Amino acid sequence: MVTINEKSSTGLDANVAAALTYLLGFLTGILFLVLEKDSQFVRYHAMQSVMTFIGVFVVSVALNFVPILGFLLSLLLAPLTLILWLVLMFKAFQGERFKLPWVGDMAEQQVR
């Protein structure tokens, strides 16, 4: 858990910066990976954002190549992705180092 007053090298509170890493999916994740120099908390969430939303993008594209079933599964993927996005932003804003299965461990290893 991050302390409320902890700052990131971007000048934002670490919890705000961590939440913003999810705002535009992997784009803001990459942006914060480049900009953030100090806070491991922010860098962790940025890496998790990149890995998660690139994965969702790849799955979404792959589903478009599967007739009918792919379309139906992509209809299910969209609201699940929205819920995941909201949960990740909320947990990061709360100062929690919330780890997704598989992706969270990989993100943690990458930012060490």
PDB file of N, CA and C in Angstrom:
ATOM      1  N   MET A   1       0.846  -1.168   0.000  1.00  0.00           N
ATOM      2  CA  MET A   1       0.000   0.000   0.000  1.00  0.00           C
ATOM      3  C   MET A   1       0.895   1.237   0.000  1.00  0.00           C
ATOM      4  N   VAL A   2       0.577   2.185  -0.829  1.00  0.00           N
ATOM      5  CA  VAL A   2       1.353   3.413  -0.940  1.00  0.00           C
ATOM      6  C   VAL A   2       0.770   4.447   0.023  1.00  0.00           C
ATOM      7  N   THR A   3       1.650   5.270   0.591  1.00  0.00           N
ATOM      8  CA  THR A   3       1.147   6.324   1.466  1.00  0.00           C
ATOM      9  C   THR A   3       0.549   7.427   0.616  1.00  0.00           C
ATOM     10  N   ILE A   4      -0.447   8.092   1.140  1.00  0.00           N
ATOM     11  CA  ILE A   4      -1.194   9.095   0.394  1.00  0.00           C
ATOM     12  C   ILE A   4      -0.296  10.244  -0.080  1.00  0.00           C
ATOM     13  N   ASN A   5       0.674  10.642   0.699  1.00  0.00           N
ATOM     14  CA  ASN A   5       1.497  11.798   0.354  1.00  0.00           C
ATOM     15  C   ASN A   5       2.710  11.468  -0.498  1.00  0.00           C
ATOM     16  N   GLU A   6       2.917  10.195  -0.799  1.00  0.00           N
ATOM     17  CA  GLU A   6       4.063   9.822  -1.621  1.00  0.00           C
ATOM     18  C   GLU A   6       3.917  10.437  -3.013  1.00  0.00           C
ATOM     19  N   LYS A   7       4.985  11.040  -3.496  1.00  0.00           N
ATOM     20  CA  LYS A   7       4.969  11.673  -4.820  1.00  0.00           C
ATOM     21  C   LYS A   7       5.702  10.790  -5.815  1.00  0.00           C
ATOM     22  N   SER A   8       5.293  10.909  -7.050  1.00  0.00           N
ATOM     23  CA  SER A   8       6.035  10.245  -8.117  1.00  0.00           C
ATOM     24  C   SER A   8       6.953  11.285  -8.752  1.00  0.00           C
ATOM     25  N   SER A   9       7.847  10.860  -9.603  1.00  0.00           N
ATOM     26  CA  SER A   9       8.759  11.810 -10.248  1.00  0.00           C
ATOM     27  C   SER A   9       8.027  12.696 -11.251  1.00  0.00           C
ATOM     28  N   THR A  10       6.755  12.385 -11.541  1.00  0.00           N
ATOM     29  CA  THR A  10       5.956  13.225 -12.436  1.00  0.00           C
ATOM     30  C   THR A  10       5.381  14.437 -11.714  1.00  0.00           C
ATOM     31  N   GLY A  11       5.509  14.461 -10.383  1.00  0.00           N
ATOM     32  CA  GLY A  11       4.944  15.550  -9.592  1.00  0.00           C
ATOM     33  C   GLY A  11       3.552  15.243  -9.068  1.00  0.00           C
ATOM     34  N   LEU A  12       2.949  14.184  -9.538  1.00  0.00           N
ATOM     35  CA  LEU A  12       1.630  13.764  -9.067  1.00  0.00           C
ATOM     36  C   LEU A  12       1.778  12.891  -7.832  1.00  0.00           C
ATOM     37  N   ASP A  13       0.718  12.802  -7.033  1.00  0.00           N
ATOM     38  CA  ASP A  13       0.707  11.813  -5.960  1.00  0.00           C
ATOM     39  C   ASP A  13       0.823  10.441  -6.614  1.00  0.00           C
ATOM     40  N   ALA A  14       1.529   9.535  -5.959  1.00  0.00           N
ATOM     41  CA  ALA A  14       1.784   8.221  -6.551  1.00  0.00           C
ATOM     42  C   ALA A  14       0.486   7.475  -6.853  1.00  0.00           C
ATOM     43  N   ASN A  15      -0.507   7.578  -5.992  1.00  0.00           N
ATOM     44  CA  ASN A  15      -1.753   6.856  -6.246  1.00  0.00           C
ATOM     45  C   ASN A  15      -2.506   7.428  -7.452  1.00  0.00           C
ATOM     46  N   VAL A  16      -2.436   8.735  -7.648  1.00  0.00           N
ATOM     47  CA  VAL A  16      -3.078   9.362  -8.808  1.00  0.00           C
ATOM     48  C   VAL A  16      -2.341   8.944 -10.083  1.00  0.00           C
ATOM     49  N   ALA A  17      -1.021   9.008 -10.056  1.00  0.00           N
ATOM     50  CA  ALA A  17      -0.230   8.603 -11.221  1.00  0.00           C
ATOM     51  C   ALA A  17      -0.481   7.137 -11.555  1.00  0.00           C
ATOM     52  N   ALA A  18      -0.553   6.277 -10.532  1.00  0.00           N
ATOM     53  CA  ALA A  18      -0.799   4.855 -10.764  1.00  0.00           C
ATOM     54  C   ALA A  18      -2.160   4.632 -11.410  1.00  0.00           C
ATOM     55  N   ALA A  19      -3.173   5.350 -10.949  1.00  0.00           N
ATOM     56  CA  ALA A  19      -4.504   5.225 -11.547  1.00  0.00           C
ATOM     57  C   ALA A  19      -4.495   5.707 -12.998  1.00  0.00           C
ATOM     58  N   LEU A  20      -3.759   6.772 -13.261  1.00  0.00           N
ATOM     59  CA  LEU A  20      -3.695   7.307 -14.617  1.00  0.00           C
ATOM     60  C   LEU A  20      -2.986   6.378 -15.595  1.00  0.00           C
ATOM     61  N   THR A  21      -2.170   5.457 -15.084  1.00  0.00           N
ATOM     62  CA  THR A  21      -1.502   4.519 -15.988  1.00  0.00           C
ATOM     63  C   THR A  21      -2.504   3.643 -16.727  1.00  0.00           C
ATOM     64  N   TYR A  22      -3.696   3.509 -16.194  1.00  0.00           N
ATOM     65  CA  TYR A  22      -4.733   2.684 -16.818  1.00  0.00           C
ATOM     66  C   TYR A  22      -5.694   3.496 -17.690  1.00  0.00           C
ATOM     67  N   LEU A  23      -5.631   4.814 -17.629  1.00  0.00           N
ATOM     68  CA  LEU A  23      -6.630   5.670 -18.251  1.00  0.00           C
ATOM     69  C   LEU A  23      -6.862   5.354 -19.725  1.00  0.00           C
ATOM     70  N   LEU A  24      -5.819   5.303 -20.520  1.00  0.00           N
ATOM     71  CA  LEU A  24      -5.952   4.999 -21.947  1.00  0.00           C
ATOM     72  C   LEU A  24      -5.306   3.660 -22.294  1.00  0.00           C
ATOM     73  N   GLY A  25      -5.395   2.736 -21.357  1.00  0.00           N
ATOM     74  CA  GLY A  25      -4.863   1.400 -21.584  1.00  0.00           C
ATOM     75  C   GLY A  25      -3.352   1.398 -21.701  1.00  0.00           C
ATOM     76  N   PHE A  26      -2.848   0.649 -22.662  1.00  0.00           N
ATOM     77  CA  PHE A  26      -1.394   0.501 -22.775  1.00  0.00           C
ATOM     78  C   PHE A  26      -0.696   1.801 -23.182  1.00  0.00           C
ATOM     79  N   LEU A  27      -1.430   2.744 -23.774  1.00  0.00           N
ATOM     80  CA  LEU A  27      -0.803   4.020 -24.167  1.00  0.00           C
ATOM     81  C   LEU A  27      -0.324   4.806 -22.953  1.00  0.00           C
ATOM     82  N   THR A  28      -1.185   4.971 -21.953  1.00  0.00           N
ATOM     83  CA  THR A  28      -0.765   5.693 -20.751  1.00  0.00           C
ATOM     84  C   THR A  28       0.191   4.846 -19.923  1.00  0.00           C
ATOM     85  N   GLY A  29       0.080   3.535 -20.026  1.00  0.00           N
ATOM     86  CA  GLY A  29       1.039   2.669 -19.353  1.00  0.00           C
ATOM     87  C   GLY A  29       2.444   2.909 -19.887  1.00  0.00           C
ATOM     88  N   ILE A  30       2.582   2.941 -21.193  1.00  0.00           N
ATOM     89  CA  ILE A  30       3.884   3.210 -21.816  1.00  0.00           C
ATOM     90  C   ILE A  30       4.377   4.602 -21.451  1.00  0.00           C
ATOM     91  N   LEU A  31       3.481   5.586 -21.497  1.00  0.00           N
ATOM     92  CA  LEU A  31       3.850   6.966 -21.160  1.00  0.00           C
ATOM     93  C   LEU A  31       4.432   7.049 -19.752  1.00  0.00           C
ATOM     94  N   PHE A  32       3.779   6.424 -18.781  1.00  0.00           N
ATOM     95  CA  PHE A  32       4.276   6.475 -17.407  1.00  0.00           C
ATOM     96  C   PHE A  32       5.530   5.620 -17.207  1.00  0.00           C
ATOM     97  N   LEU A  33       5.701   4.567 -17.984  1.00  0.00           N
ATOM     98  CA  LEU A  33       6.946   3.801 -17.910  1.00  0.00           C
ATOM     99  C   LEU A  33       8.126   4.663 -18.351  1.00  0.00           C
ATOM    100  N   VAL A  34       7.900   5.499 -19.343  1.00  0.00           N
ATOM    101  CA  VAL A  34       8.955   6.391 -19.841  1.00  0.00           C
ATOM    102  C   VAL A  34       9.200   7.545 -18.872  1.00  0.00           C
ATOM    103  N   LEU A  35       8.124   8.124 -18.335  1.00  0.00           N
ATOM    104  CA  LEU A  35       8.251   9.331 -17.509  1.00  0.00           C
ATOM    105  C   LEU A  35       8.644   9.059 -16.063  1.00  0.00           C
ATOM    106  N   GLU A  36       8.149   7.981 -15.493  1.00  0.00           N
ATOM    107  CA  GLU A  36       8.350   7.721 -14.068  1.00  0.00           C
ATOM    108  C   GLU A  36       9.742   7.153 -13.810  1.00  0.00           C
ATOM    109  N   LYS A  37      10.474   7.810 -12.927  1.00  0.00           N
ATOM    110  CA  LYS A  37      11.838   7.381 -12.614  1.00  0.00           C
ATOM    111  C   LYS A  37      11.982   6.844 -11.190  1.00  0.00           C
ATOM    112  N   ASP A  38      11.143   7.285 -10.256  1.00  0.00           N
ATOM    113  CA  ASP A  38      11.340   6.994  -8.835  1.00  0.00           C
ATOM    114  C   ASP A  38      10.399   5.940  -8.259  1.00  0.00           C
ATOM    115  N   SER A  39       9.117   6.088  -8.466  1.00  0.00           N
ATOM    116  CA  SER A  39       8.123   5.280  -7.770  1.00  0.00           C
ATOM    117  C   SER A  39       7.970   3.890  -8.395  1.00  0.00           C
ATOM    118  N   GLN A  40       8.374   2.867  -7.647  1.00  0.00           N
ATOM    119  CA  GLN A  40       8.179   1.487  -8.095  1.00  0.00           C
ATOM    120  C   GLN A  40       6.685   1.144  -8.145  1.00  0.00           C
ATOM    121  N   PHE A  41       5.914   1.791  -7.284  1.00  0.00           N
ATOM    122  CA  PHE A  41       4.462   1.578  -7.263  1.00  0.00           C
ATOM    123  C   PHE A  41       3.849   2.009  -8.597  1.00  0.00           C
ATOM    124  N   VAL A  42       4.208   3.190  -9.068  1.00  0.00           N
ATOM    125  CA  VAL A  42       3.672   3.693 -10.330  1.00  0.00           C
ATOM    126  C   VAL A  42       4.198   2.864 -11.495  1.00  0.00           C
ATOM    127  N   ARG A  43       5.474   2.540 -11.483  1.00  0.00           N
ATOM    128  CA  ARG A  43       6.065   1.744 -12.562  1.00  0.00           C
ATOM    129  C   ARG A  43       5.424   0.350 -12.632  1.00  0.00           C
ATOM    130  N   TYR A  44       5.115  -0.237 -11.469  1.00  0.00           N
ATOM    131  CA  TYR A  44       4.440  -1.535 -11.450  1.00  0.00           C
ATOM    132  C   TYR A  44       3.077  -1.440 -12.134  1.00  0.00           C
ATOM    133  N   HIS A  45       2.290  -0.442 -11.756  1.00  0.00           N
ATOM    134  CA  HIS A  45       0.958  -0.303 -12.358  1.00  0.00           C
ATOM    135  C   HIS A  45       1.059   0.025 -13.844  1.00  0.00           C
ATOM    136  N   ALA A  46       2.054   0.801 -14.231  1.00  0.00           N
ATOM    137  CA  ALA A  46       2.244   1.115 -15.645  1.00  0.00           C
ATOM    138  C   ALA A  46       2.553  -0.159 -16.435  1.00  0.00           C
ATOM    139  N   MET A  47       3.438  -0.991 -15.903  1.00  0.00           N
ATOM    140  CA  MET A  47       3.793  -2.239 -16.587  1.00  0.00           C
ATOM    141  C   MET A  47       2.601  -3.189 -16.633  1.00  0.00           C
ATOM    142  N   GLN A  48       1.855  -3.274 -15.546  1.00  0.00           N
ATOM    143  CA  GLN A  48       0.671  -4.134 -15.536  1.00  0.00           C
ATOM    144  C   GLN A  48      -0.353  -3.632 -16.552  1.00  0.00           C
ATOM    145  N   SER A  49      -0.494  -2.326 -16.678  1.00  0.00           N
ATOM    146  CA  SER A  49      -1.405  -1.743 -17.654  1.00  0.00           C
ATOM    147  C   SER A  49      -0.992  -2.119 -19.074  1.00  0.00           C
ATOM    148  N   VAL A  50       0.282  -1.975 -19.371  1.00  0.00           N
ATOM    149  CA  VAL A  50       0.782  -2.306 -20.707  1.00  0.00           C
ATOM    150  C   VAL A  50       0.524  -3.769 -21.024  1.00  0.00           C
ATOM    151  N   MET A  51       0.922  -4.640 -20.124  1.00  0.00           N
ATOM    152  CA  MET A  51       0.774  -6.079 -20.373  1.00  0.00           C
ATOM    153  C   MET A  51      -0.691  -6.501 -20.476  1.00  0.00           C
ATOM    154  N   THR A  52      -1.519  -5.969 -19.602  1.00  0.00           N
ATOM    155  CA  THR A  52      -2.930  -6.348 -19.586  1.00  0.00           C
ATOM    156  C   THR A  52      -3.641  -5.895 -20.847  1.00  0.00           C
ATOM    157  N   PHE A  53      -3.495  -4.623 -21.193  1.00  0.00           N
ATOM    158  CA  PHE A  53      -4.292  -4.094 -22.300  1.00  0.00           C
ATOM    159  C   PHE A  53      -3.727  -4.439 -23.670  1.00  0.00           C
ATOM    160  N   ILE A  54      -2.437  -4.739 -23.765  1.00  0.00           N
ATOM    161  CA  ILE A  54      -1.932  -5.299 -25.025  1.00  0.00           C
ATOM    162  C   ILE A  54      -2.492  -6.711 -25.178  1.00  0.00           C
ATOM    163  N   GLY A  55      -2.551  -7.458 -24.087  1.00  0.00           N
ATOM    164  CA  GLY A  55      -3.143  -8.794 -24.128  1.00  0.00           C
ATOM    165  C   GLY A  55      -4.603  -8.762 -24.542  1.00  0.00           C
ATOM    166  N   VAL A  56      -5.362  -7.843 -23.978  1.00  0.00           N
ATOM    167  CA  VAL A  56      -6.777  -7.713 -24.338  1.00  0.00           C
ATOM    168  C   VAL A  56      -6.904  -7.331 -25.814  1.00  0.00           C
ATOM    169  N   PHE A  57      -6.040  -6.437 -26.280  1.00  0.00           N
ATOM    170  CA  PHE A  57      -6.065  -6.025 -27.689  1.00  0.00           C
ATOM    171  C   PHE A  57      -5.782  -7.209 -28.615  1.00  0.00           C
ATOM    172  N   VAL A  58      -4.778  -8.000 -28.277  1.00  0.00           N
ATOM    173  CA  VAL A  58      -4.422  -9.163 -29.102  1.00  0.00           C
ATOM    174  C   VAL A  58      -5.575 -10.167 -29.140  1.00  0.00           C
ATOM    175  N   VAL A  59      -6.171 -10.432 -27.990  1.00  0.00           N
ATOM    176  CA  VAL A  59      -7.315 -11.357 -27.940  1.00  0.00           C
ATOM    177  C   VAL A  59      -8.470 -10.813 -28.766  1.00  0.00           C
ATOM    178  N   SER A  60      -8.723  -9.523 -28.665  1.00  0.00           N
ATOM    179  CA  SER A  60      -9.805  -8.898 -29.421  1.00  0.00           C
ATOM    180  C   SER A  60      -9.585  -9.027 -30.929  1.00  0.00           C
ATOM    181  N   VAL A  61      -8.373  -8.773 -31.373  1.00  0.00           N
ATOM    182  CA  VAL A  61      -8.056  -8.905 -32.799  1.00  0.00           C
ATOM    183  C   VAL A  61      -8.198 -10.363 -33.230  1.00  0.00           C
ATOM    184  N   ALA A  62      -7.703 -11.292 -32.431  1.00  0.00           N
ATOM    185  CA  ALA A  62      -7.789 -12.710 -32.775  1.00  0.00           C
ATOM    186  C   ALA A  62      -9.243 -13.164 -32.880  1.00  0.00           C
ATOM    187  N   LEU A  63     -10.102 -12.646 -32.000  1.00  0.00           N
ATOM    188  CA  LEU A  63     -11.516 -13.035 -32.046  1.00  0.00           C
ATOM    189  C   LEU A  63     -12.190 -12.581 -33.334  1.00  0.00           C
ATOM    190  N   ASN A  64     -11.694 -11.511 -33.938  1.00  0.00           N
ATOM    191  CA  ASN A  64     -12.286 -11.021 -35.182  1.00  0.00           C
ATOM    192  C   ASN A  64     -12.043 -11.966 -36.355  1.00  0.00           C
ATOM    193  N   PHE A  65     -11.100 -12.880 -36.214  1.00  0.00           N
ATOM    194  CA  PHE A  65     -10.829 -13.843 -37.283  1.00  0.00           C
ATOM    195  C   PHE A  65     -11.682 -15.102 -37.171  1.00  0.00           C
ATOM    196  N   VAL A  66     -12.433 -15.221 -36.081  1.00  0.00           N
ATOM    197  CA  VAL A  66     -13.287 -16.399 -35.879  1.00  0.00           C
ATOM    198  C   VAL A  66     -14.725 -16.000 -36.192  1.00  0.00           C
ATOM    199  N   PRO A  67     -15.306 -16.585 -37.232  1.00  0.00           N
ATOM    200  CA  PRO A  67     -16.679 -16.213 -37.588  1.00  0.00           C
ATOM    201  C   PRO A  67     -17.683 -16.568 -36.480  1.00  0.00           C
ATOM    202  N   ILE A  68     -18.661 -15.804 -36.326  1.00  0.00           N
ATOM    203  CA  ILE A  68     -19.807 -15.936 -35.416  1.00  0.00           C
ATOM    204  C   ILE A  68     -19.389 -16.095 -33.951  1.00  0.00           C
ATOM    205  N   LEU A  69     -18.729 -17.176 -33.596  1.00  0.00           N
ATOM    206  CA  LEU A  69     -18.317 -17.391 -32.210  1.00  0.00           C
ATOM    207  C   LEU A  69     -17.376 -16.287 -31.741  1.00  0.00           C
ATOM    208  N   GLY A  70     -16.458 -15.880 -32.590  1.00  0.00           N
ATOM    209  CA  GLY A  70     -15.538 -14.796 -32.257  1.00  0.00           C
ATOM    210  C   GLY A  70     -16.286 -13.503 -31.999  1.00  0.00           C
ATOM    211  N   PHE A  71     -17.289 -13.233 -32.826  1.00  0.00           N
ATOM    212  CA  PHE A  71     -18.109 -12.031 -32.645  1.00  0.00           C
ATOM    213  C   PHE A  71     -18.845 -12.089 -31.313  1.00  0.00           C
ATOM    214  N   LEU A  72     -19.423 -13.231 -30.996  1.00  0.00           N
ATOM    215  CA  LEU A  72     -20.161 -13.370 -29.738  1.00  0.00           C
ATOM    216  C   LEU A  72     -19.232 -13.236 -28.528  1.00  0.00           C
ATOM    217  N   LEU A  73     -18.055 -13.825 -28.616  1.00  0.00           N
ATOM    218  CA  LEU A  73     -17.098 -13.705 -27.519  1.00  0.00           C
ATOM    219  C   LEU A  73     -16.577 -12.282 -27.371  1.00  0.00           C
ATOM    220  N   SER A  74     -16.431 -11.571 -28.486  1.00  0.00           N
ATOM    221  CA  SER A  74     -15.980 -10.180 -28.396  1.00  0.00           C
ATOM    222  C   SER A  74     -17.052  -9.297 -27.754  1.00  0.00           C
ATOM    223  N   LEU A  75     -18.322  -9.663 -27.936  1.00  0.00           N
ATOM    224  CA  LEU A  75     -19.399  -8.938 -27.247  1.00  0.00           C
ATOM    225  C   LEU A  75     -19.307  -9.126 -25.735  1.00  0.00           C
ATOM    226  N   LEU A  76     -18.825 -10.268 -25.302  1.00  0.00           N
ATOM    227  CA  LEU A  76     -18.633 -10.546 -23.889  1.00  0.00           C
ATOM    228  C   LEU A  76     -17.350  -9.885 -23.370  1.00  0.00           C
ATOM    229  N   LEU A  77     -16.334  -9.843 -24.210  1.00  0.00           N
ATOM    230  CA  LEU A  77     -15.045  -9.278 -23.819  1.00  0.00           C
ATOM    231  C   LEU A  77     -15.138  -7.786 -23.510  1.00  0.00           C
ATOM    232  N   ALA A  78     -15.915  -7.047 -24.257  1.00  0.00           N
ATOM    233  CA  ALA A  78     -15.995  -5.589 -24.083  1.00  0.00           C
ATOM    234  C   ALA A  78     -16.453  -5.177 -22.679  1.00  0.00           C
ATOM    235  N   PRO A  79     -17.576  -5.673 -22.166  1.00  0.00           N
ATOM    236  CA  PRO A  79     -17.971  -5.258 -20.814  1.00  0.00           C
ATOM    237  C   PRO A  79     -17.031  -5.788 -19.733  1.00  0.00           C
ATOM    238  N   LEU A  80     -16.460  -6.971 -19.945  1.00  0.00           N
ATOM    239  CA  LEU A  80     -15.499  -7.495 -18.969  1.00  0.00           C
ATOM    240  C   LEU A  80     -14.243  -6.633 -18.920  1.00  0.00           C
ATOM    241  N   THR A  81     -13.810  -6.161 -20.070  1.00  0.00           N
ATOM    242  CA  THR A  81     -12.652  -5.269 -20.119  1.00  0.00           C
ATOM    243  C   THR A  81     -12.959  -3.952 -19.425  1.00  0.00           C
ATOM    244  N   LEU A  82     -14.154  -3.424 -19.611  1.00  0.00           N
ATOM    245  CA  LEU A  82     -14.559  -2.182 -18.942  1.00  0.00           C
ATOM    246  C   LEU A  82     -14.540  -2.361 -17.429  1.00  0.00           C
ATOM    247  N   ILE A  83     -15.072  -3.456 -16.945  1.00  0.00           N
ATOM    248  CA  ILE A  83     -15.080  -3.723 -15.501  1.00  0.00           C
ATOM    249  C   ILE A  83     -13.657  -3.865 -14.975  1.00  0.00           C
ATOM    250  N   LEU A  84     -12.819  -4.604 -15.700  1.00  0.00           N
ATOM    251  CA  LEU A  84     -11.418  -4.768 -15.306  1.00  0.00           C
ATOM    252  C   LEU A  84     -10.714  -3.424 -15.254  1.00  0.00           C
ATOM    253  N   TRP A  85     -10.930  -2.590 -16.244  1.00  0.00           N
ATOM    254  CA  TRP A  85     -10.328  -1.258 -16.318  1.00  0.00           C
ATOM    255  C   TRP A  85     -10.718  -0.424 -15.099  1.00  0.00           C
ATOM    256  N   LEU A  86     -11.992  -0.424 -14.758  1.00  0.00           N
ATOM    257  CA  LEU A  86     -12.468   0.352 -13.606  1.00  0.00           C
ATOM    258  C   LEU A  86     -11.886  -0.175 -12.293  1.00  0.00           C
ATOM    259  N   VAL A  87     -11.846  -1.484 -12.136  1.00  0.00           N
ATOM    260  CA  VAL A  87     -11.290  -2.076 -10.917  1.00  0.00           C
ATOM    261  C   VAL A  87      -9.815  -1.731 -10.772  1.00  0.00           C
ATOM    262  N   LEU A  88      -9.056  -1.861 -11.856  1.00  0.00           N
ATOM    263  CA  LEU A  88      -7.623  -1.557 -11.797  1.00  0.00           C
ATOM    264  C   LEU A  88      -7.372  -0.094 -11.448  1.00  0.00           C
ATOM    265  N   MET A  89      -8.132   0.811 -12.047  1.00  0.00           N
ATOM    266  CA  MET A  89      -7.970   2.236 -11.729  1.00  0.00           C
ATOM    267  C   MET A  89      -8.328   2.511 -10.270  1.00  0.00           C
ATOM    268  N   PHE A  90      -9.414   1.923  -9.799  1.00  0.00           N
ATOM    269  CA  PHE A  90      -9.856   2.137  -8.420  1.00  0.00           C
ATOM    270  C   PHE A  90      -8.835   1.604  -7.426  1.00  0.00           C
ATOM    271  N   LYS A  91      -8.351   0.396  -7.648  1.00  0.00           N
ATOM    272  CA  LYS A  91      -7.369  -0.210  -6.740  1.00  0.00           C
ATOM    273  C   LYS A  91      -6.078   0.605  -6.712  1.00  0.00           C
ATOM    274  N   ALA A  92      -5.625   1.063  -7.865  1.00  0.00           N
ATOM    275  CA  ALA A  92      -4.406   1.880  -7.918  1.00  0.00           C
ATOM    276  C   ALA A  92      -4.627   3.203  -7.192  1.00  0.00           C
ATOM    277  N   PHE A  93      -5.776   3.817  -7.384  1.00  0.00           N
ATOM    278  CA  PHE A  93      -6.075   5.081  -6.713  1.00  0.00           C
ATOM    279  C   PHE A  93      -6.152   4.904  -5.204  1.00  0.00           C
ATOM    280  N   GLN A  94      -6.590   3.738  -4.754  1.00  0.00           N
ATOM    281  CA  GLN A  94      -6.659   3.442  -3.321  1.00  0.00           C
ATOM    282  C   GLN A  94      -5.274   3.187  -2.732  1.00  0.00           C
ATOM    283  N   GLY A  95      -4.256   3.092  -3.596  1.00  0.00           N
ATOM    284  CA  GLY A  95      -2.900   2.856  -3.121  1.00  0.00           C
ATOM    285  C   GLY A  95      -2.562   1.390  -2.971  1.00  0.00           C
ATOM    286  N   GLU A  96      -3.358   0.537  -3.572  1.00  0.00           N
ATOM    287  CA  GLU A  96      -3.156  -0.913  -3.454  1.00  0.00           C
ATOM    288  C   GLU A  96      -2.332  -1.430  -4.633  1.00  0.00           C
ATOM    289  N   ARG A  97      -1.390  -2.274  -4.331  1.00  0.00           N
ATOM    290  CA  ARG A  97      -0.584  -2.920  -5.376  1.00  0.00           C
ATOM    291  C   ARG A  97      -1.325  -4.190  -5.802  1.00  0.00           C
ATOM    292  N   PHE A  98      -2.427  -3.997  -6.476  1.00  0.00           N
ATOM    293  CA  PHE A  98      -3.325  -5.067  -6.889  1.00  0.00           C
ATOM    294  C   PHE A  98      -2.684  -5.860  -8.024  1.00  0.00           C
ATOM    295  N   LYS A  99      -2.578  -7.177  -7.831  1.00  0.00           N
ATOM    296  CA  LYS A  99      -1.922  -8.017  -8.825  1.00  0.00           C
ATOM    297  C   LYS A  99      -2.930  -8.899  -9.532  1.00  0.00           C
ATOM    298  N   LEU A 100      -2.948  -8.799 -10.842  1.00  0.00           N
ATOM    299  CA  LEU A 100      -3.741  -9.716 -11.647  1.00  0.00           C
ATOM    300  C   LEU A 100      -2.999 -11.048 -11.739  1.00  0.00           C
ATOM    301  N   PRO A 101      -3.732 -12.149 -11.879  1.00  0.00           N
ATOM    302  CA  PRO A 101      -3.045 -13.430 -12.072  1.00  0.00           C
ATOM    303  C   PRO A 101      -2.146 -13.380 -13.307  1.00  0.00           C
ATOM    304  N   TRP A 102      -1.004 -13.993 -13.238  1.00  0.00           N
ATOM    305  CA  TRP A 102       0.016 -14.075 -14.289  1.00  0.00           C
ATOM    306  C   TRP A 102       0.614 -12.712 -14.634  1.00  0.00           C
ATOM    307  N   VAL A 103      -0.202 -11.785 -15.056  1.00  0.00           N
ATOM    308  CA  VAL A 103       0.288 -10.476 -15.506  1.00  0.00           C
ATOM    309  C   VAL A 103       0.932  -9.713 -14.352  1.00  0.00           C
ATOM    310  N   GLY A 104       0.346  -9.764 -13.183  1.00  0.00           N
ATOM    311  CA  GLY A 104       0.882  -9.046 -12.029  1.00  0.00           C
ATOM    312  C   GLY A 104       2.277  -9.512 -11.659  1.00  0.00           C
ATOM    313  N   ASP A 105       2.495 -10.822 -11.692  1.00  0.00           N
ATOM    314  CA  ASP A 105       3.830 -11.353 -11.391  1.00  0.00           C
ATOM    315  C   ASP A 105       4.842 -10.950 -12.457  1.00  0.00           C
ATOM    316  N   MET A 106       4.430 -11.010 -13.719  1.00  0.00           N
ATOM    317  CA  MET A 106       5.337 -10.608 -14.800  1.00  0.00           C
ATOM    318  C   MET A 106       5.671  -9.123 -14.705  1.00  0.00           C
ATOM    319  N   ALA A 107       4.677  -8.305 -14.398  1.00  0.00           N
ATOM    320  CA  ALA A 107       4.904  -6.859 -14.268  1.00  0.00           C
ATOM    321  C   ALA A 107       5.857  -6.578 -13.120  1.00  0.00           C
ATOM    322  N   GLU A 108       5.676  -7.289 -12.027  1.00  0.00           N
ATOM    323  CA  GLU A 108       6.549  -7.108 -10.858  1.00  0.00           C
ATOM    324  C   GLU A 108       7.997  -7.448 -11.196  1.00  0.00           C
ATOM    325  N   GLN A 109       8.210  -8.509 -11.937  1.00  0.00           N
ATOM    326  CA  GLN A 109       9.566  -8.898 -12.331  1.00  0.00           C
ATOM    327  C   GLN A 109      10.208  -7.874 -13.269  1.00  0.00           C
ATOM    328  N   GLN A 110       9.418  -7.273 -14.125  1.00  0.00           N
ATOM    329  CA  GLN A 110       9.949  -6.330 -15.101  1.00  0.00           C
ATOM    330  C   GLN A 110      10.370  -5.002 -14.507  1.00  0.00           C
ATOM    331  N   VAL A 111       9.743  -4.591 -13.423  1.00  0.00           N
ATOM    332  CA  VAL A 111      10.057  -3.265 -12.856  1.00  0.00           C
ATOM    333  C   VAL A 111      11.069  -3.312 -11.721  1.00  0.00           C
ATOM    334  N   ARG A 112      11.595  -4.468 -11.386  1.00  0.00           N
ATOM    335  CA  ARG A 112      12.592  -4.578 -10.315  1.00  0.00           C
ATOM    336  C   ARG A 112      13.895  -3.958 -10.740  1.00  0.00           C
TER     337      ARG A 112
END
